PDB file of N, CA and C in Angstrom:
ATOM      1  N   MET A   1      12.166  18.862 -13.849  1.00  0.00           N
ATOM      2  CA  MET A   1      12.756  18.861 -12.519  1.00  0.00           C
ATOM      3  C   MET A   1      14.175  18.296 -12.592  1.00  0.00           C
ATOM      4  N   SER A   2      15.108  19.025 -12.087  1.00  0.00           N
ATOM      5  CA  SER A   2      16.511  18.619 -12.117  1.00  0.00           C
ATOM      6  C   SER A   2      16.820  17.736 -10.911  1.00  0.00           C
ATOM      7  N   GLN A   3      17.469  16.618 -11.187  1.00  0.00           N
ATOM      8  CA  GLN A   3      17.861  15.727 -10.097  1.00  0.00           C
ATOM      9  C   GLN A   3      19.208  16.167  -9.557  1.00  0.00           C
ATOM     10  N   GLN A   4      19.375  16.030  -8.264  1.00  0.00           N
ATOM     11  CA  GLN A   4      20.643  16.327  -7.629  1.00  0.00           C
ATOM     12  C   GLN A   4      21.097  15.118  -6.837  1.00  0.00           C
ATOM     13  N   PHE A   5      22.401  14.958  -6.770  1.00  0.00           N
ATOM     14  CA  PHE A   5      22.971  13.878  -5.974  1.00  0.00           C
ATOM     15  C   PHE A   5      22.828  14.220  -4.497  1.00  0.00           C
ATOM     16  N   SER A   6      22.458  13.242  -3.727  1.00  0.00           N
ATOM     17  CA  SER A   6      22.373  13.384  -2.284  1.00  0.00           C
ATOM     18  C   SER A   6      23.031  12.155  -1.667  1.00  0.00           C
ATOM     19  N   THR A   7      23.818  12.366  -0.631  1.00  0.00           N
ATOM     20  CA  THR A   7      24.403  11.217   0.052  1.00  0.00           C
ATOM     21  C   THR A   7      23.295  10.450   0.764  1.00  0.00           C
ATOM     22  N   PHE A   8      23.568   9.206   1.084  1.00  0.00           N
ATOM     23  CA  PHE A   8      22.574   8.387   1.777  1.00  0.00           C
ATOM     24  C   PHE A   8      22.223   9.000   3.128  1.00  0.00           C
ATOM     25  N   LYS A   9      23.218   9.482   3.832  1.00  0.00           N
ATOM     26  CA  LYS A   9      22.981  10.056   5.157  1.00  0.00           C
ATOM     27  C   LYS A   9      22.102  11.307   5.055  1.00  0.00           C
ATOM     28  N   ARG A  10      22.354  12.138   4.057  1.00  0.00           N
ATOM     29  CA  ARG A  10      21.526  13.326   3.857  1.00  0.00           C
ATOM     30  C   ARG A  10      20.098  12.923   3.482  1.00  0.00           C
ATOM     31  N   PHE A  11      19.983  11.915   2.611  1.00  0.00           N
ATOM     32  CA  PHE A  11      18.672  11.416   2.192  1.00  0.00           C
ATOM     33  C   PHE A  11      17.863  10.958   3.410  1.00  0.00           C
ATOM     34  N   VAL A  12      18.480  10.177   4.281  1.00  0.00           N
ATOM     35  CA  VAL A  12      17.785   9.684   5.476  1.00  0.00           C
ATOM     36  C   VAL A  12      17.500  10.839   6.434  1.00  0.00           C
ATOM     37  N   SER A  13      18.412  11.791   6.520  1.00  0.00           N
ATOM     38  CA  SER A  13      18.212  12.953   7.380  1.00  0.00           C
ATOM     39  C   SER A  13      16.978  13.746   6.956  1.00  0.00           C
ATOM     40  N   GLU A  14      16.773  13.877   5.655  1.00  0.00           N
ATOM     41  CA  GLU A  14      15.580  14.572   5.159  1.00  0.00           C
ATOM     42  C   GLU A  14      14.314  13.810   5.545  1.00  0.00           C
ATOM     43  N   ARG A  15      14.346  12.491   5.469  1.00  0.00           N
ATOM     44  CA  ARG A  15      13.197  11.679   5.882  1.00  0.00           C
ATOM     45  C   ARG A  15      12.945  11.842   7.385  1.00  0.00           C
ATOM     46  N   TYR A  16      14.027  11.916   8.149  1.00  0.00           N
ATOM     47  CA  TYR A  16      13.914  12.098   9.597  1.00  0.00           C
ATOM     48  C   TYR A  16      13.253  13.437   9.922  1.00  0.00           C
ATOM     49  N   GLN A  17      13.685  14.497   9.237  1.00  0.00           N
ATOM     50  CA  GLN A  17      13.109  15.822   9.486  1.00  0.00           C
ATOM     51  C   GLN A  17      11.620  15.850   9.150  1.00  0.00           C
ATOM     52  N   GLU A  18      11.248  15.193   8.042  1.00  0.00           N
ATOM     53  CA  GLU A  18       9.828  15.114   7.667  1.00  0.00           C
ATOM     54  C   GLU A  18       9.028  14.417   8.768  1.00  0.00           C
ATOM     55  N   ARG A  19       9.564  13.311   9.253  1.00  0.00           N
ATOM     56  CA  ARG A  19       8.881  12.540  10.298  1.00  0.00           C
ATOM     57  C   ARG A  19       8.802  13.337  11.595  1.00  0.00           C
ATOM     58  N   LYS A  20       9.888  14.024  11.911  1.00  0.00           N
ATOM     59  CA  LYS A  20       9.938  14.818  13.135  1.00  0.00           C
ATOM     60  C   LYS A  20       8.867  15.915  13.107  1.00  0.00           C
ATOM     61  N   GLU A  21       8.733  16.585  11.965  1.00  0.00           N
ATOM     62  CA  GLU A  21       7.714  17.632  11.824  1.00  0.00           C
ATOM     63  C   GLU A  21       6.305  17.046  11.930  1.00  0.00           C
ATOM     64  N   LYS A  22       6.121  15.888  11.313  1.00  0.00           N
ATOM     65  CA  LYS A  22       4.816  15.222  11.372  1.00  0.00           C
ATOM     66  C   LYS A  22       4.478  14.849  12.818  1.00  0.00           C
ATOM     67  N   HIS A  23       5.449  14.310  13.530  1.00  0.00           N
ATOM     68  CA  HIS A  23       5.236  13.935  14.934  1.00  0.00           C
ATOM     69  C   HIS A  23       4.981  15.163  15.798  1.00  0.00           C
ATOM     70  N   LYS A  24       5.703  16.242  15.496  1.00  0.00           N
ATOM     71  CA  LYS A  24       5.529  17.478  16.262  1.00  0.00           C
ATOM     72  C   LYS A  24       4.095  17.984  16.111  1.00  0.00           C
ATOM     73  N   GLY A  25       3.580  17.921  14.889  1.00  0.00           N
ATOM     74  CA  GLY A  25       2.206  18.349  14.624  1.00  0.00           C
ATOM     75  C   GLY A  25       1.176  17.493  15.340  1.00  0.00           C
ATOM     76  N   LEU A  26       1.521  16.251  15.604  1.00  0.00           N
ATOM     77  CA  LEU A  26       0.611  15.333  16.299  1.00  0.00           C
ATOM     78  C   LEU A  26       0.847  15.311  17.810  1.00  0.00           C
ATOM     79  N   GLY A  27       1.835  16.091  18.261  1.00  0.00           N
ATOM     80  CA  GLY A  27       2.152  16.119  19.685  1.00  0.00           C
ATOM     81  C   GLY A  27       2.923  14.904  20.159  1.00  0.00           C
ATOM     82  N   LEU A  28       3.599  14.213  19.236  1.00  0.00           N
ATOM     83  CA  LEU A  28       4.376  13.020  19.578  1.00  0.00           C
ATOM     84  C   LEU A  28       5.857  13.362  19.665  1.00  0.00           C
ATOM     85  N   THR A  29       6.607  12.524  20.330  1.00  0.00           N
ATOM     86  CA  THR A  29       8.052  12.687  20.426  1.00  0.00           C
ATOM     87  C   THR A  29       8.724  11.716  19.463  1.00  0.00           C
ATOM     88  N   SER A  30       9.688  12.226  18.694  1.00  0.00           N
ATOM     89  CA  SER A  30      10.426  11.380  17.750  1.00  0.00           C
ATOM     90  C   SER A  30      11.660  10.799  18.417  1.00  0.00           C
ATOM     91  N   SER A  31      12.082   9.639  17.924  1.00  0.00           N
ATOM     92  CA  SER A  31      13.347   9.067  18.399  1.00  0.00           C
ATOM     93  C   SER A  31      14.488   9.925  17.865  1.00  0.00           C
ATOM     94  N   GLY A  32      15.669   9.739  18.392  1.00  0.00           N
ATOM     95  CA  GLY A  32      16.825  10.476  17.914  1.00  0.00           C
ATOM     96  C   GLY A  32      17.223  10.034  16.515  1.00  0.00           C
ATOM     97  N   PHE A  33      18.049  10.842  15.869  1.00  0.00           N
ATOM     98  CA  PHE A  33      18.440  10.558  14.490  1.00  0.00           C
ATOM     99  C   PHE A  33      19.171   9.225  14.362  1.00  0.00           C
ATOM    100  N   ASN A  34      20.075   8.917  15.286  1.00  0.00           N
ATOM    101  CA  ASN A  34      20.840   7.670  15.173  1.00  0.00           C
ATOM    102  C   ASN A  34      19.937   6.442  15.219  1.00  0.00           C
ATOM    103  N   ALA A  35      18.942   6.470  16.087  1.00  0.00           N
ATOM    104  CA  ALA A  35      17.992   5.353  16.161  1.00  0.00           C
ATOM    105  C   ALA A  35      17.160   5.287  14.885  1.00  0.00           C
ATOM    106  N   PHE A  36      16.718   6.442  14.400  1.00  0.00           N
ATOM    107  CA  PHE A  36      15.939   6.485  13.162  1.00  0.00           C
ATOM    108  C   PHE A  36      16.771   5.955  11.996  1.00  0.00           C
ATOM    109  N   PHE A  37      18.034   6.382  11.927  1.00  0.00           N
ATOM    110  CA  PHE A  37      18.925   5.960  10.845  1.00  0.00           C
ATOM    111  C   PHE A  37      19.092   4.441  10.841  1.00  0.00           C
ATOM    112  N   ALA A  38      19.360   3.876  12.003  1.00  0.00           N
ATOM    113  CA  ALA A  38      19.543   2.422  12.107  1.00  0.00           C
ATOM    114  C   ALA A  38      18.274   1.680  11.711  1.00  0.00           C
ATOM    115  N   ASN A  39      17.131   2.165  12.165  1.00  0.00           N
ATOM    116  CA  ASN A  39      15.859   1.531  11.813  1.00  0.00           C
ATOM    117  C   ASN A  39      15.550   1.682  10.330  1.00  0.00           C
ATOM    118  N   TYR A  40      15.838   2.861   9.779  1.00  0.00           N
ATOM    119  CA  TYR A  40      15.581   3.094   8.357  1.00  0.00           C
ATOM    120  C   TYR A  40      16.421   2.138   7.512  1.00  0.00           C
ATOM    121  N   LEU A  41      17.692   2.032   7.831  1.00  0.00           N
ATOM    122  CA  LEU A  41      18.591   1.163   7.078  1.00  0.00           C
ATOM    123  C   LEU A  41      18.142  -0.291   7.166  1.00  0.00           C
ATOM    124  N   ALA A  42      17.754  -0.726   8.348  1.00  0.00           N
ATOM    125  CA  ALA A  42      17.299  -2.111   8.520  1.00  0.00           C
ATOM    126  C   ALA A  42      15.990  -2.374   7.777  1.00  0.00           C
ATOM    127  N   SER A  43      15.118  -1.396   7.733  1.00  0.00           N
ATOM    128  CA  SER A  43      13.802  -1.581   7.114  1.00  0.00           C
ATOM    129  C   SER A  43      13.790  -1.362   5.607  1.00  0.00           C
ATOM    130  N   HIS A  44      14.525  -0.356   5.143  1.00  0.00           N
ATOM    131  CA  HIS A  44      14.439   0.053   3.743  1.00  0.00           C
ATOM    132  C   HIS A  44      15.697  -0.225   2.928  1.00  0.00           C
ATOM    133  N   GLY A  45      16.814  -0.420   3.593  1.00  0.00           N
ATOM    134  CA  GLY A  45      18.058  -0.591   2.851  1.00  0.00           C
ATOM    135  C   GLY A  45      18.364   0.656   2.026  1.00  0.00           C
ATOM    136  N   PHE A  46      18.948   0.449   0.859  1.00  0.00           N
ATOM    137  CA  PHE A  46      19.343   1.573   0.013  1.00  0.00           C
ATOM    138  C   PHE A  46      18.367   1.847  -1.130  1.00  0.00           C
ATOM    139  N   GLY A  47      17.318   1.044  -1.267  1.00  0.00           N
ATOM    140  CA  GLY A  47      16.435   1.102  -2.428  1.00  0.00           C
ATOM    141  C   GLY A  47      15.866   2.467  -2.759  1.00  0.00           C
ATOM    142  N   GLU A  48      15.271   3.139  -1.780  1.00  0.00           N
ATOM    143  CA  GLU A  48      14.673   4.449  -2.043  1.00  0.00           C
ATOM    144  C   GLU A  48      15.739   5.466  -2.431  1.00  0.00           C
ATOM    145  N   TRP A  49      16.879   5.401  -1.776  1.00  0.00           N
ATOM    146  CA  TRP A  49      17.975   6.314  -2.107  1.00  0.00           C
ATOM    147  C   TRP A  49      18.482   6.049  -3.517  1.00  0.00           C
ATOM    148  N   LEU A  50      18.650   4.780  -3.875  1.00  0.00           N
ATOM    149  CA  LEU A  50      19.131   4.454  -5.214  1.00  0.00           C
ATOM    150  C   LEU A  50      18.189   4.984  -6.288  1.00  0.00           C
ATOM    151  N   ASN A  51      16.907   5.000  -6.020  1.00  0.00           N
ATOM    152  CA  ASN A  51      15.959   5.557  -6.988  1.00  0.00           C
ATOM    153  C   ASN A  51      16.196   7.040  -7.229  1.00  0.00           C
ATOM    154  N   THR A  52      16.734   7.751  -6.240  1.00  0.00           N
ATOM    155  CA  THR A  52      17.035   9.175  -6.440  1.00  0.00           C
ATOM    156  C   THR A  52      18.262   9.364  -7.329  1.00  0.00           C
ATOM    157  N   LEU A  53      19.056   8.309  -7.491  1.00  0.00           N
ATOM    158  CA  LEU A  53      20.247   8.390  -8.339  1.00  0.00           C
ATOM    159  C   LEU A  53      19.937   8.052  -9.793  1.00  0.00           C
ATOM    160  N   ARG A  54      18.756   7.542 -10.046  1.00  0.00           N
ATOM    161  CA  ARG A  54      18.377   7.084 -11.383  1.00  0.00           C
ATOM    162  C   ARG A  54      18.599   8.185 -12.425  1.00  0.00           C
ATOM    163  N   GLY A  55      19.368   7.820 -13.475  1.00  0.00           N
ATOM    164  CA  GLY A  55      19.607   8.726 -14.593  1.00  0.00           C
ATOM    165  C   GLY A  55      20.677   9.780 -14.369  1.00  0.00           C
ATOM    166  N   LEU A  56      21.311   9.792 -13.211  1.00  0.00           N
ATOM    167  CA  LEU A  56      22.339  10.798 -12.937  1.00  0.00           C
ATOM    168  C   LEU A  56      23.665  10.436 -13.598  1.00  0.00           C
ATOM    169  N   SER A  57      24.440  11.451 -13.896  1.00  0.00           N
ATOM    170  CA  SER A  57      25.830  11.280 -14.327  1.00  0.00           C
ATOM    171  C   SER A  57      26.686  11.597 -13.103  1.00  0.00           C
ATOM    172  N   LEU A  58      27.308  10.580 -12.552  1.00  0.00           N
ATOM    173  CA  LEU A  58      28.073  10.759 -11.320  1.00  0.00           C
ATOM    174  C   LEU A  58      29.465  11.300 -11.594  1.00  0.00           C
ATOM    175  N   THR A  59      29.945  12.115 -10.674  1.00  0.00           N
ATOM    176  CA  THR A  59      31.323  12.585 -10.710  1.00  0.00           C
ATOM    177  C   THR A  59      32.197  11.567  -9.978  1.00  0.00           C
ATOM    178  N   GLU A  60      33.491  11.769 -10.020  1.00  0.00           N
ATOM    179  CA  GLU A  60      34.401  10.878  -9.296  1.00  0.00           C
ATOM    180  C   GLU A  60      34.111  10.921  -7.795  1.00  0.00           C
ATOM    181  N   LYS A  61      33.894  12.096  -7.253  1.00  0.00           N
ATOM    182  CA  LYS A  61      33.600  12.257  -5.824  1.00  0.00           C
ATOM    183  C   LYS A  61      32.298  11.540  -5.458  1.00  0.00           C
ATOM    184  N   GLN A  62      31.282  11.659  -6.308  1.00  0.00           N
ATOM    185  CA  GLN A  62      30.008  11.002  -6.035  1.00  0.00           C
ATOM    186  C   GLN A  62      30.138   9.485  -6.089  1.00  0.00           C
ATOM    187  N   CYS A  63      30.936   8.975  -7.023  1.00  0.00           N
ATOM    188  CA  CYS A  63      31.202   7.527  -7.067  1.00  0.00           C
ATOM    189  C   CYS A  63      31.858   7.081  -5.768  1.00  0.00           C
ATOM    190  N   TYR A  64      32.813   7.869  -5.304  1.00  0.00           N
ATOM    191  CA  TYR A  64      33.490   7.571  -4.044  1.00  0.00           C
ATOM    192  C   TYR A  64      32.476   7.507  -2.897  1.00  0.00           C
ATOM    193  N   LEU A  65      31.552   8.478  -2.860  1.00  0.00           N
ATOM    194  CA  LEU A  65      30.556   8.516  -1.790  1.00  0.00           C
ATOM    195  C   LEU A  65      29.608   7.324  -1.852  1.00  0.00           C
ATOM    196  N   VAL A  66      29.242   6.895  -3.049  1.00  0.00           N
ATOM    197  CA  VAL A  66      28.392   5.707  -3.191  1.00  0.00           C
ATOM    198  C   VAL A  66      29.145   4.477  -2.686  1.00  0.00           C
ATOM    199  N   GLY A  67      30.391   4.319  -3.128  1.00  0.00           N
ATOM    200  CA  GLY A  67      31.196   3.181  -2.682  1.00  0.00           C
ATOM    201  C   GLY A  67      31.398   3.187  -1.178  1.00  0.00           C
ATOM    202  N   ALA A  68      31.706   4.357  -0.629  1.00  0.00           N
ATOM    203  CA  ALA A  68      31.920   4.482   0.814  1.00  0.00           C
ATOM    204  C   ALA A  68      30.641   4.175   1.587  1.00  0.00           C
ATOM    205  N   THR A  69      29.499   4.538   1.027  1.00  0.00           N
ATOM    206  CA  THR A  69      28.211   4.244   1.664  1.00  0.00           C
ATOM    207  C   THR A  69      28.014   2.745   1.807  1.00  0.00           C
ATOM    208  N   TYR A  70      28.312   2.015   0.743  1.00  0.00           N
ATOM    209  CA  TYR A  70      28.141   0.561   0.795  1.00  0.00           C
ATOM    210  C   TYR A  70      29.130  -0.096   1.755  1.00  0.00           C
ATOM    211  N   VAL A  71      30.348   0.436   1.829  1.00  0.00           N
ATOM    212  CA  VAL A  71      31.346  -0.135   2.738  1.00  0.00           C
ATOM    213  C   VAL A  71      30.989   0.199   4.192  1.00  0.00           C
ATOM    214  N   CYS A  72      30.624   1.445   4.454  1.00  0.00           N
ATOM    215  CA  CYS A  72      30.369   1.885   5.836  1.00  0.00           C
ATOM    216  C   CYS A  72      29.030   1.423   6.385  1.00  0.00           C
ATOM    217  N   PHE A  73      27.978   1.594   5.607  1.00  0.00           N
ATOM    218  CA  PHE A  73      26.633   1.316   6.114  1.00  0.00           C
ATOM    219  C   PHE A  73      26.082  -0.029   5.658  1.00  0.00           C
ATOM    220  N   GLY A  74      26.574  -0.524   4.534  1.00  0.00           N
ATOM    221  CA  GLY A  74      26.078  -1.791   4.019  1.00  0.00           C
ATOM    222  C   GLY A  74      26.976  -2.966   4.350  1.00  0.00           C
ATOM    223  N   GLN A  75      28.064  -2.707   5.071  1.00  0.00           N
ATOM    224  CA  GLN A  75      29.033  -3.743   5.447  1.00  0.00           C
ATOM    225  C   GLN A  75      29.484  -4.574   4.244  1.00  0.00           C
ATOM    226  N   ARG A  76      29.667  -3.916   3.122  1.00  0.00           N
ATOM    227  CA  ARG A  76      30.155  -4.598   1.928  1.00  0.00           C
ATOM    228  C   ARG A  76      31.670  -4.480   1.878  1.00  0.00           C
ATOM    229  N   GLU A  77      32.302  -5.400   1.173  1.00  0.00           N
ATOM    230  CA  GLU A  77      33.754  -5.383   1.028  1.00  0.00           C
ATOM    231  C   GLU A  77      34.127  -4.616  -0.236  1.00  0.00           C
ATOM    232  N   TYR A  78      35.381  -4.187  -0.280  1.00  0.00           N
ATOM    233  CA  TYR A  78      35.869  -3.439  -1.445  1.00  0.00           C
ATOM    234  C   TYR A  78      35.625  -4.194  -2.738  1.00  0.00           C
ATOM    235  N   LYS A  79      35.810  -5.511  -2.686  1.00  0.00           N
ATOM    236  CA  LYS A  79      35.683  -6.320  -3.896  1.00  0.00           C
ATOM    237  C   LYS A  79      34.259  -6.323  -4.442  1.00  0.00           C
ATOM    238  N   ASP A  80      33.266  -5.947  -3.619  1.00  0.00           N
ATOM    239  CA  ASP A  80      31.868  -5.911  -4.055  1.00  0.00           C
ATOM    240  C   ASP A  80      31.509  -4.628  -4.806  1.00  0.00           C
ATOM    241  N   ILE A  81      32.270  -3.573  -4.610  1.00  0.00           N
ATOM    242  CA  ILE A  81      31.906  -2.259  -5.150  1.00  0.00           C
ATOM    243  C   ILE A  81      31.871  -2.231  -6.681  1.00  0.00           C
ATOM    244  N   PRO A  82      32.813  -2.846  -7.399  1.00  0.00           N
ATOM    245  CA  PRO A  82      32.704  -2.824  -8.866  1.00  0.00           C
ATOM    246  C   PRO A  82      31.381  -3.408  -9.370  1.00  0.00           C
ATOM    247  N   GLY A  83      30.926  -4.486  -8.774  1.00  0.00           N
ATOM    248  CA  GLY A  83      29.649  -5.082  -9.164  1.00  0.00           C
ATOM    249  C   GLY A  83      28.476  -4.169  -8.848  1.00  0.00           C
ATOM    250  N   ILE A  84      28.562  -3.479  -7.722  1.00  0.00           N
ATOM    251  CA  ILE A  84      27.505  -2.536  -7.344  1.00  0.00           C
ATOM    252  C   ILE A  84      27.461  -1.388  -8.344  1.00  0.00           C
ATOM    253  N   MET A  85      28.629  -0.879  -8.727  1.00  0.00           N
ATOM    254  CA  MET A  85      28.680   0.211  -9.709  1.00  0.00           C
ATOM    255  C   MET A  85      28.121  -0.241 -11.058  1.00  0.00           C
ATOM    256  N   ALA A  86      28.466  -1.448 -11.465  1.00  0.00           N
ATOM    257  CA  ALA A  86      27.939  -1.983 -12.728  1.00  0.00           C
ATOM    258  C   ALA A  86      26.419  -2.141 -12.639  1.00  0.00           C
ATOM    259  N   HIS A  87      25.932  -2.567 -11.483  1.00  0.00           N
ATOM    260  CA  HIS A  87      24.490  -2.701 -11.257  1.00  0.00           C
ATOM    261  C   HIS A  87      23.800  -1.341 -11.379  1.00  0.00           C
ATOM    262  N   LEU A  88      24.383  -0.314 -10.780  1.00  0.00           N
ATOM    263  CA  LEU A  88      23.813   1.034 -10.871  1.00  0.00           C
ATOM    264  C   LEU A  88      23.764   1.509 -12.315  1.00  0.00           C
ATOM    265  N   GLN A  89      24.830   1.212 -13.032  1.00  0.00           N
ATOM    266  CA  GLN A  89      24.903   1.620 -14.431  1.00  0.00           C
ATOM    267  C   GLN A  89      23.821   0.918 -15.252  1.00  0.00           C
ATOM    268  N   ARG A  90      23.649  -0.343 -15.036  1.00  0.00           N
ATOM    269  CA  ARG A  90      22.709  -1.133 -15.831  1.00  0.00           C
ATOM    270  C   ARG A  90      21.254  -0.913 -15.430  1.00  0.00           C
ATOM    271  N   TYR A  91      20.947  -0.980 -14.153  1.00  0.00           N
ATOM    272  CA  TYR A  91      19.553  -0.976 -13.711  1.00  0.00           C
ATOM    273  C   TYR A  91      19.017   0.385 -13.263  1.00  0.00           C
ATOM    274  N   TYR A  92      19.909   1.323 -12.999  1.00  0.00           N
ATOM    275  CA  TYR A  92      19.469   2.653 -12.586  1.00  0.00           C
ATOM    276  C   TYR A  92      19.872   3.717 -13.600  1.00  0.00           C
ATOM    277  N   ASP A  93      20.404   3.294 -14.731  1.00  0.00           N
ATOM    278  CA  ASP A  93      20.809   4.199 -15.804  1.00  0.00           C
ATOM    279  C   ASP A  93      21.750   5.297 -15.298  1.00  0.00           C
ATOM    280  N   VAL A  94      22.588   4.950 -14.334  1.00  0.00           N
ATOM    281  CA  VAL A  94      23.573   5.880 -13.799  1.00  0.00           C
ATOM    282  C   VAL A  94      24.770   5.895 -14.737  1.00  0.00           C
ATOM    283  N   LYS A  95      25.230   7.085 -15.064  1.00  0.00           N
ATOM    284  CA  LYS A  95      26.405   7.212 -15.916  1.00  0.00           C
ATOM    285  C   LYS A  95      27.625   7.412 -15.030  1.00  0.00           C
ATOM    286  N   LEU A  96      28.594   6.542 -15.213  1.00  0.00           N
ATOM    287  CA  LEU A  96      29.819   6.602 -14.421  1.00  0.00           C
ATOM    288  C   LEU A  96      30.870   7.397 -15.174  1.00  0.00           C
ATOM    289  N   PRO A  97      31.732   8.110 -14.457  1.00  0.00           N
ATOM    290  CA  PRO A  97      32.810   8.839 -15.122  1.00  0.00           C
ATOM    291  C   PRO A  97      33.854   7.864 -15.663  1.00  0.00           C
ATOM    292  N   VAL A  98      34.611   8.331 -16.633  1.00  0.00           N
ATOM    293  CA  VAL A  98      35.686   7.512 -17.188  1.00  0.00           C
ATOM    294  C   VAL A  98      36.898   7.675 -16.270  1.00  0.00           C
ATOM    295  N   ILE A  99      37.118   6.656 -15.455  1.00  0.00           N
ATOM    296  CA  ILE A  99      38.232   6.649 -14.507  1.00  0.00           C
ATOM    297  C   ILE A  99      38.908   5.299 -14.633  1.00  0.00           C
ATOM    298  N   GLU A 100      40.194   5.322 -14.854  1.00  0.00           N
ATOM    299  CA  GLU A 100      40.932   4.069 -15.011  1.00  0.00           C
ATOM    300  C   GLU A 100      40.779   3.203 -13.764  1.00  0.00           C
ATOM    301  N   GLY A 101      40.320   1.982 -13.956  1.00  0.00           N
ATOM    302  CA  GLY A 101      40.218   1.016 -12.868  1.00  0.00           C
ATOM    303  C   GLY A 101      38.958   1.113 -12.027  1.00  0.00           C
ATOM    304  N   LEU A 102      38.029   2.011 -12.362  1.00  0.00           N
ATOM    305  CA  LEU A 102      36.839   2.228 -11.538  1.00  0.00           C
ATOM    306  C   LEU A 102      36.075   0.940 -11.237  1.00  0.00           C
ATOM    307  N   LEU A 103      36.072   0.019 -12.162  1.00  0.00           N
ATOM    308  CA  LEU A 103      35.322  -1.223 -11.961  1.00  0.00           C
ATOM    309  C   LEU A 103      36.226  -2.386 -11.569  1.00  0.00           C
ATOM    310  N   THR A 104      37.273  -2.076 -10.804  1.00  0.00           N
ATOM    311  CA  THR A 104      38.164  -3.123 -10.300  1.00  0.00           C
ATOM    312  C   THR A 104      38.225  -3.052  -8.772  1.00  0.00           C
ATOM    313  N   PRO A 105      38.366  -4.191  -8.120  1.00  0.00           N
ATOM    314  CA  PRO A 105      38.492  -4.183  -6.654  1.00  0.00           C
ATOM    315  C   PRO A 105      39.730  -3.417  -6.183  1.00  0.00           C
ATOM    316  N   GLU A 106      40.799  -3.462  -6.963  1.00  0.00           N
ATOM    317  CA  GLU A 106      42.037  -2.782  -6.572  1.00  0.00           C
ATOM    318  C   GLU A 106      41.831  -1.268  -6.458  1.00  0.00           C
ATOM    319  N   TYR A 107      41.057  -0.707  -7.364  1.00  0.00           N
ATOM    320  CA  TYR A 107      40.760   0.731  -7.326  1.00  0.00           C
ATOM    321  C   TYR A 107      40.070   1.077  -6.004  1.00  0.00           C
ATOM    322  N   TRP A 108      39.054   0.299  -5.661  1.00  0.00           N
ATOM    323  CA  TRP A 108      38.281   0.591  -4.454  1.00  0.00           C
ATOM    324  C   TRP A 108      39.082   0.317  -3.192  1.00  0.00           C
ATOM    325  N   GLN A 109      39.941  -0.674  -3.221  1.00  0.00           N
ATOM    326  CA  GLN A 109      40.825  -0.936  -2.076  1.00  0.00           C
ATOM    327  C   GLN A 109      41.710   0.282  -1.833  1.00  0.00           C
ATOM    328  N   GLN A 110      42.199   0.866  -2.913  1.00  0.00           N
ATOM    329  CA  GLN A 110      43.089   2.021  -2.786  1.00  0.00           C
ATOM    330  C   GLN A 110      42.340   3.264  -2.297  1.00  0.00           C
ATOM    331  N   VAL A 111      41.189   3.568  -2.878  1.00  0.00           N
ATOM    332  CA  VAL A 111      40.511   4.821  -2.520  1.00  0.00           C
ATOM    333  C   VAL A 111      39.715   4.734  -1.221  1.00  0.00           C
ATOM    334  N   LEU A 112      39.345   3.533  -0.802  1.00  0.00           N
ATOM    335  CA  LEU A 112      38.573   3.390   0.432  1.00  0.00           C
ATOM    336  C   LEU A 112      39.351   2.678   1.533  1.00  0.00           C
ATOM    337  N   SER A 113      40.657   2.760   1.471  1.00  0.00           N
ATOM    338  CA  SER A 113      41.469   2.082   2.482  1.00  0.00           C
ATOM    339  C   SER A 113      41.172   2.644   3.876  1.00  0.00           C
ATOM    340  N   ASP A 114      41.416   1.847   4.886  1.00  0.00           N
ATOM    341  CA  ASP A 114      41.110   2.227   6.267  1.00  0.00           C
ATOM    342  C   ASP A 114      41.761   3.535   6.678  1.00  0.00           C
ATOM    343  N   GLU A 115      42.971   3.784   6.191  1.00  0.00           N
ATOM    344  CA  GLU A 115      43.661   4.996   6.621  1.00  0.00           C
ATOM    345  C   GLU A 115      42.975   6.262   6.111  1.00  0.00           C
ATOM    346  N   LYS A 116      42.183   6.139   5.043  1.00  0.00           N
ATOM    347  CA  LYS A 116      41.462   7.310   4.528  1.00  0.00           C
ATOM    348  C   LYS A 116      40.104   7.467   5.200  1.00  0.00           C
ATOM    349  N   GLN A 117      39.695   6.491   5.983  1.00  0.00           N
ATOM    350  CA  GLN A 117      38.477   6.512   6.783  1.00  0.00           C
ATOM    351  C   GLN A 117      37.253   6.988   5.998  1.00  0.00           C
ATOM    352  N   PRO A 118      36.702   6.123   5.134  1.00  0.00           N
ATOM    353  CA  PRO A 118      35.547   6.518   4.333  1.00  0.00           C
ATOM    354  C   PRO A 118      34.326   6.905   5.159  1.00  0.00           C
ATOM    355  N   ALA A 119      34.236   6.437   6.398  1.00  0.00           N
ATOM    356  CA  ALA A 119      33.066   6.765   7.229  1.00  0.00           C
ATOM    357  C   ALA A 119      32.943   8.269   7.458  1.00  0.00           C
ATOM    358  N   LYS A 120      34.057   8.969   7.472  1.00  0.00           N
ATOM    359  CA  LYS A 120      34.017  10.414   7.685  1.00  0.00           C
ATOM    360  C   LYS A 120      33.485  11.147   6.457  1.00  0.00           C
ATOM    361  N   ALA A 121      33.556  10.516   5.294  1.00  0.00           N
ATOM    362  CA  ALA A 121      33.123  11.167   4.061  1.00  0.00           C
ATOM    363  C   ALA A 121      31.623  11.077   3.847  1.00  0.00           C
ATOM    364  N   VAL A 122      31.008  10.025   4.378  1.00  0.00           N
ATOM    365  CA  VAL A 122      29.580   9.817   4.082  1.00  0.00           C
ATOM    366  C   VAL A 122      28.671  10.286   5.154  1.00  0.00           C
TER     367      VAL A 122
END
């Protein structure tokens, strides 16, 4: 089975659709996606999503999306992203691309600056 990269929002959206179908079959009404997303994040964090990244070789764009996810949804600061990337590499066997400065706060400050609005990417 081939693994594919999925953004956190897409991952949660798939869980929402599964739940919505299950509720529909039971004659129940599901909450809206935004409420489900907020509850999912509060209850599960990123753990299940990170498991889907296990063993992947990330592209530069995918690294950006992971970093933007932590900044937008995890309320993490730019300076935290290098440690998160190193954690993914070590504990999730994620292969990072060779990009100059990828594991420095300055790199993430530059690519995820407010003017580029990372929230629109994730």
